[in-house]
Amino acid sequence: MTDVAVVGRAGRPREVEGAFALTLAAVAAQVAVWVLGAFVVSPTGFEELRGETGQGDAFAQLALSGGFLAVVSALWLLLAARMRAGVNWARIALTAVGVLSGLFFLNSLSMDGFQWAADGGVGDLLLTDLLPDLLVAGAIVMMFLPASNAYFSATRRAGR
């Protein structure tokens, strides 16, 4: 059996599948964070926008924000699918964007400080800010474990 057949079928390691699953979870978490922040967690982003700009402009701003999130999420999912297929540049792009996202989170902490929840815990921080970045960090680690590296090397040798 050729390398292409092995890589194409059951040759994908659990680590790559895990990285793919964590990436899907990160995208879902980011969408959930946006929805919660815009419409559920008080004061909602929509309430704040409506107070500043009026109802129509608030809807327009949320539509623009939601559209941007949809485009970014679709690109993220496309990269995740290519990474799962063994495309090394997609793995590197996911890593670069994930590290950049983590750096933006750290930067926002340095500007806003560490915000504790009302009950003294870190629940709000985990649910609204950190969870997607933690999932991405886990995916990055899994993409560079030895089994994953071997998979990407075998895929590259197979010409995919």
C-alpha atoms as a PDB file:
ATOM      1  CA  MET A   1       0.000   0.000   0.000  1.00  0.00           C
ATOM      2  CA  THR A   2       1.393   3.415  -0.890  1.00  0.00           C
ATOM      3  CA  ASP A   3       2.020   6.283   1.529  1.00  0.00           C
ATOM      4  CA  VAL A   4      -0.824   8.229  -0.077  1.00  0.00           C
ATOM      5  CA  ALA A   5      -3.322   5.468   0.697  1.00  0.00           C
ATOM      6  CA  VAL A   6      -2.133   5.119   4.288  1.00  0.00           C
ATOM      7  CA  VAL A   7      -2.226   8.865   4.945  1.00  0.00           C
ATOM      8  CA  GLY A   8      -5.544   9.233   3.132  1.00  0.00           C
ATOM      9  CA  ARG A   9      -7.353   6.590   5.159  1.00  0.00           C
ATOM     10  CA  ALA A  10      -6.711   5.580   8.732  1.00  0.00           C
ATOM     11  CA  GLY A  11      -3.307   7.281   8.869  1.00  0.00           C
ATOM     12  CA  ARG A  12      -4.537  10.417  10.643  1.00  0.00           C
ATOM     13  CA  PRO A  13      -3.382  10.305  14.254  1.00  0.00           C
ATOM     14  CA  ARG A  14      -5.611  10.980  17.255  1.00  0.00           C
ATOM     15  CA  GLU A  15      -3.565  14.093  17.999  1.00  0.00           C
ATOM     16  CA  VAL A  16      -4.560  15.685  14.683  1.00  0.00           C
ATOM     17  CA  GLU A  17      -8.188  14.679  15.231  1.00  0.00           C
ATOM     18  CA  GLY A  18      -7.986  16.169  18.729  1.00  0.00           C
ATOM     19  CA  ALA A  19      -6.528  19.413  17.392  1.00  0.00           C
ATOM     20  CA  PHE A  20      -9.331  19.568  14.842  1.00  0.00           C
ATOM     21  CA  ALA A  21     -11.972  18.969  17.536  1.00  0.00           C
ATOM     22  CA  LEU A  22     -10.437  21.631  19.794  1.00  0.00           C
ATOM     23  CA  THR A  23     -10.406  24.074  16.889  1.00  0.00           C
ATOM     24  CA  LEU A  24     -14.104  23.423  16.223  1.00  0.00           C
ATOM     25  CA  ALA A  25     -14.817  23.917  19.934  1.00  0.00           C
ATOM     26  CA  ALA A  26     -12.842  27.184  19.929  1.00  0.00           C
ATOM     27  CA  VAL A  27     -14.873  28.549  17.017  1.00  0.00           C
ATOM     28  CA  ALA A  28     -18.129  27.498  18.715  1.00  0.00           C
ATOM     29  CA  ALA A  29     -16.978  29.073  21.988  1.00  0.00           C
ATOM     30  CA  GLN A  30     -16.071  32.323  20.241  1.00  0.00           C
ATOM     31  CA  VAL A  31     -19.502  32.495  18.602  1.00  0.00           C
ATOM     32  CA  ALA A  32     -21.153  31.749  21.964  1.00  0.00           C
ATOM     33  CA  VAL A  33     -19.067  34.480  23.628  1.00  0.00           C
ATOM     34  CA  TRP A  34     -20.174  36.963  20.957  1.00  0.00           C
ATOM     35  CA  VAL A  35     -23.857  36.056  21.346  1.00  0.00           C
ATOM     36  CA  LEU A  36     -23.659  36.187  25.144  1.00  0.00           C
ATOM     37  CA  GLY A  37     -21.872  39.519  25.101  1.00  0.00           C
ATOM     38  CA  ALA A  38     -24.160  41.053  22.527  1.00  0.00           C
ATOM     39  CA  PHE A  39     -27.541  39.861  23.775  1.00  0.00           C
ATOM     40  CA  VAL A  40     -27.475  37.975  27.088  1.00  0.00           C
ATOM     41  CA  VAL A  41     -24.925  39.105  29.693  1.00  0.00           C
ATOM     42  CA  SER A  42     -26.028  42.381  31.229  1.00  0.00           C
ATOM     43  CA  PRO A  43     -25.179  45.063  30.315  1.00  0.00           C
ATOM     44  CA  THR A  44     -25.350  43.661  26.816  1.00  0.00           C
ATOM     45  CA  GLY A  45     -23.369  45.074  23.955  1.00  0.00           C
ATOM     46  CA  PHE A  46     -26.634  45.819  22.201  1.00  0.00           C
ATOM     47  CA  GLU A  47     -27.945  47.834  25.176  1.00  0.00           C
ATOM     48  CA  GLU A  48     -24.728  49.828  25.335  1.00  0.00           C
ATOM     49  CA  LEU A  49     -24.714  50.487  21.588  1.00  0.00           C
ATOM     50  CA  ARG A  50     -28.378  51.456  21.592  1.00  0.00           C
ATOM     51  CA  GLY A  51     -27.731  53.937  24.388  1.00  0.00           C
ATOM     52  CA  GLU A  52     -24.797  55.491  22.509  1.00  0.00           C
ATOM     53  CA  THR A  53     -25.944  55.415  18.890  1.00  0.00           C
ATOM     54  CA  GLY A  54     -29.649  54.637  18.785  1.00  0.00           C
ATOM     55  CA  GLN A  55     -31.580  51.517  17.809  1.00  0.00           C
ATOM     56  CA  GLY A  56     -30.886  51.526  14.053  1.00  0.00           C
ATOM     57  CA  ASP A  57     -27.171  52.136  14.351  1.00  0.00           C
ATOM     58  CA  ALA A  58     -26.909  49.527  17.116  1.00  0.00           C
ATOM     59  CA  PHE A  59     -28.487  46.918  14.827  1.00  0.00           C
ATOM     60  CA  ALA A  60     -26.158  47.940  11.995  1.00  0.00           C
ATOM     61  CA  GLN A  61     -23.073  47.698  14.224  1.00  0.00           C
ATOM     62  CA  LEU A  62     -24.077  44.266  15.552  1.00  0.00           C
ATOM     63  CA  ALA A  63     -24.803  43.065  12.008  1.00  0.00           C
ATOM     64  CA  LEU A  64     -21.357  44.227  10.898  1.00  0.00           C
ATOM     65  CA  SER A  65     -19.720  42.627  13.923  1.00  0.00           C
ATOM     66  CA  GLY A  66     -21.643  39.384  13.404  1.00  0.00           C
ATOM     67  CA  GLY A  67     -20.769  39.331   9.712  1.00  0.00           C
ATOM     68  CA  PHE A  68     -17.088  39.806  10.483  1.00  0.00           C
ATOM     69  CA  LEU A  69     -17.255  36.995  13.046  1.00  0.00           C
ATOM     70  CA  ALA A  70     -18.931  34.737  10.476  1.00  0.00           C
ATOM     71  CA  VAL A  71     -16.202  35.398   7.880  1.00  0.00           C
ATOM     72  CA  VAL A  72     -13.382  34.885  10.380  1.00  0.00           C
ATOM     73  CA  SER A  73     -15.026  31.709  11.702  1.00  0.00           C
ATOM     74  CA  ALA A  74     -15.435  30.331   8.181  1.00  0.00           C
ATOM     75  CA  LEU A  75     -11.769  31.003   7.398  1.00  0.00           C
ATOM     76  CA  TRP A  76     -10.736  29.412  10.697  1.00  0.00           C
ATOM     77  CA  LEU A  77     -12.813  26.305   9.862  1.00  0.00           C
ATOM     78  CA  LEU A  78     -11.320  26.148   6.362  1.00  0.00           C
ATOM     79  CA  LEU A  79      -7.816  26.238   7.830  1.00  0.00           C
ATOM     80  CA  ALA A  80      -8.793  23.561  10.358  1.00  0.00           C
ATOM     81  CA  ALA A  81     -10.099  21.298   7.583  1.00  0.00           C
ATOM     82  CA  ARG A  82      -6.903  21.772   5.565  1.00  0.00           C
ATOM     83  CA  MET A  83      -4.805  21.088   8.685  1.00  0.00           C
ATOM     84  CA  ARG A  84      -6.785  17.899   9.310  1.00  0.00           C
ATOM     85  CA  ALA A  85      -6.014  16.859   5.734  1.00  0.00           C
ATOM     86  CA  GLY A  86      -2.302  17.183   6.494  1.00  0.00           C
ATOM     87  CA  VAL A  87      -1.557  20.542   4.868  1.00  0.00           C
ATOM     88  CA  ASN A  88       1.385  21.965   6.807  1.00  0.00           C
ATOM     89  CA  TRP A  89       0.874  25.623   5.832  1.00  0.00           C
ATOM     90  CA  ALA A  90      -2.617  25.447   7.357  1.00  0.00           C
ATOM     91  CA  ARG A  91      -1.128  24.121  10.598  1.00  0.00           C
ATOM     92  CA  ILE A  92       1.350  26.997  10.632  1.00  0.00           C
ATOM     93  CA  ALA A  93      -1.361  29.569   9.812  1.00  0.00           C
ATOM     94  CA  LEU A  94      -3.580  28.251  12.623  1.00  0.00           C
ATOM     95  CA  THR A  95      -0.619  28.437  14.993  1.00  0.00           C
ATOM     96  CA  ALA A  96       0.279  31.988  13.995  1.00  0.00           C
ATOM     97  CA  VAL A  97      -3.295  33.247  14.290  1.00  0.00           C
ATOM     98  CA  GLY A  98      -3.786  31.384  17.565  1.00  0.00           C
ATOM     99  CA  VAL A  99      -0.640  32.874  19.087  1.00  0.00           C
ATOM    100  CA  LEU A 100      -1.670  36.313  17.872  1.00  0.00           C
ATOM    101  CA  SER A 101      -5.099  35.871  19.466  1.00  0.00           C
ATOM    102  CA  GLY A 102      -3.468  34.873  22.743  1.00  0.00           C
ATOM    103  CA  LEU A 103      -1.229  37.929  22.608  1.00  0.00           C
ATOM    104  CA  PHE A 104      -4.275  40.158  22.047  1.00  0.00           C
ATOM    105  CA  PHE A 105      -5.877  38.583  25.121  1.00  0.00           C
ATOM    106  CA  LEU A 106      -2.761  39.262  27.204  1.00  0.00           C
ATOM    107  CA  ASN A 107      -2.654  42.808  25.886  1.00  0.00           C
ATOM    108  CA  SER A 108      -6.269  43.400  26.893  1.00  0.00           C
ATOM    109  CA  LEU A 109      -5.448  42.064  30.374  1.00  0.00           C
ATOM    110  CA  SER A 110      -2.573  44.504  30.652  1.00  0.00           C
ATOM    111  CA  MET A 111      -4.887  47.396  29.735  1.00  0.00           C
ATOM    112  CA  ASP A 112      -8.078  46.379  31.567  1.00  0.00           C
ATOM    113  CA  GLY A 113      -6.617  44.374  34.429  1.00  0.00           C
ATOM    114  CA  PHE A 114      -7.805  41.015  35.672  1.00  0.00           C
ATOM    115  CA  GLN A 115     -11.551  41.291  36.187  1.00  0.00           C
ATOM    116  CA  TRP A 116     -12.922  39.020  38.900  1.00  0.00           C
ATOM    117  CA  ALA A 117     -16.493  37.831  38.860  1.00  0.00           C
ATOM    118  CA  ALA A 118     -18.924  39.253  41.430  1.00  0.00           C
ATOM    119  CA  ASP A 119     -18.717  36.033  43.438  1.00  0.00           C
ATOM    120  CA  GLY A 120     -14.929  36.282  43.684  1.00  0.00           C
ATOM    121  CA  GLY A 121     -14.281  33.614  41.055  1.00  0.00           C
ATOM    122  CA  VAL A 122     -12.939  33.711  37.556  1.00  0.00           C
ATOM    123  CA  GLY A 123     -16.061  32.296  35.889  1.00  0.00           C
ATOM    124  CA  ASP A 124     -16.802  35.378  33.815  1.00  0.00           C
ATOM    125  CA  LEU A 125     -13.230  35.563  32.584  1.00  0.00           C
ATOM    126  CA  LEU A 126     -13.173  31.886  31.622  1.00  0.00           C
ATOM    127  CA  LEU A 127     -16.513  31.988  29.865  1.00  0.00           C
ATOM    128  CA  THR A 128     -16.143  35.258  28.061  1.00  0.00           C
ATOM    129  CA  ASP A 129     -12.482  35.759  27.286  1.00  0.00           C
ATOM    130  CA  LEU A 130     -10.142  32.936  28.031  1.00  0.00           C
ATOM    131  CA  LEU A 131     -11.991  29.768  26.993  1.00  0.00           C
ATOM    132  CA  PRO A 132     -11.584  30.140  23.206  1.00  0.00           C
ATOM    133  CA  ASP A 133      -7.881  30.964  23.617  1.00  0.00           C
ATOM    134  CA  LEU A 134      -7.332  27.972  25.914  1.00  0.00           C
ATOM    135  CA  LEU A 135      -8.972  25.689  23.358  1.00  0.00           C
ATOM    136  CA  VAL A 136      -6.783  27.128  20.601  1.00  0.00           C
ATOM    137  CA  ALA A 137      -3.671  26.686  22.765  1.00  0.00           C
ATOM    138  CA  GLY A 138      -4.592  23.037  23.278  1.00  0.00           C
ATOM    139  CA  ALA A 139      -5.055  22.591  19.536  1.00  0.00           C
ATOM    140  CA  ILE A 140      -1.662  24.171  18.846  1.00  0.00           C
ATOM    141  CA  VAL A 141       0.051  21.819  21.280  1.00  0.00           C
ATOM    142  CA  MET A 142      -1.669  18.803  19.716  1.00  0.00           C
ATOM    143  CA  MET A 143      -0.704  19.908  16.192  1.00  0.00           C
ATOM    144  CA  PHE A 144       2.984  19.758  17.114  1.00  0.00           C
ATOM    145  CA  LEU A 145       3.159  16.495  19.074  1.00  0.00           C
ATOM    146  CA  PRO A 146       5.448  13.827  17.554  1.00  0.00           C
ATOM    147  CA  ALA A 147       2.596  11.820  15.997  1.00  0.00           C
ATOM    148  CA  SER A 148       1.232  14.976  14.370  1.00  0.00           C
ATOM    149  CA  ASN A 149       4.665  15.954  13.065  1.00  0.00           C
ATOM    150  CA  ALA A 150       5.048  12.485  11.541  1.00  0.00           C
ATOM    151  CA  TYR A 151       1.621  12.791   9.907  1.00  0.00           C
ATOM    152  CA  PHE A 152       2.424  16.160   8.339  1.00  0.00           C
ATOM    153  CA  SER A 153       5.799  14.857   7.138  1.00  0.00           C
ATOM    154  CA  ALA A 154       4.210  11.751   5.608  1.00  0.00           C
ATOM    155  CA  THR A 155       1.556  13.869   3.917  1.00  0.00           C
ATOM    156  CA  ARG A 156       4.202  16.192   2.508  1.00  0.00           C
ATOM    157  CA  ARG A 157       6.199  13.209   1.203  1.00  0.00           C
ATOM    158  CA  ALA A 158       3.040  11.814  -0.390  1.00  0.00           C
ATOM    159  CA  GLY A 159       2.712  15.040  -2.369  1.00  0.00           C
ATOM    160  CA  ARG A 160      -0.459  16.416  -0.780  1.00  0.00           C
END
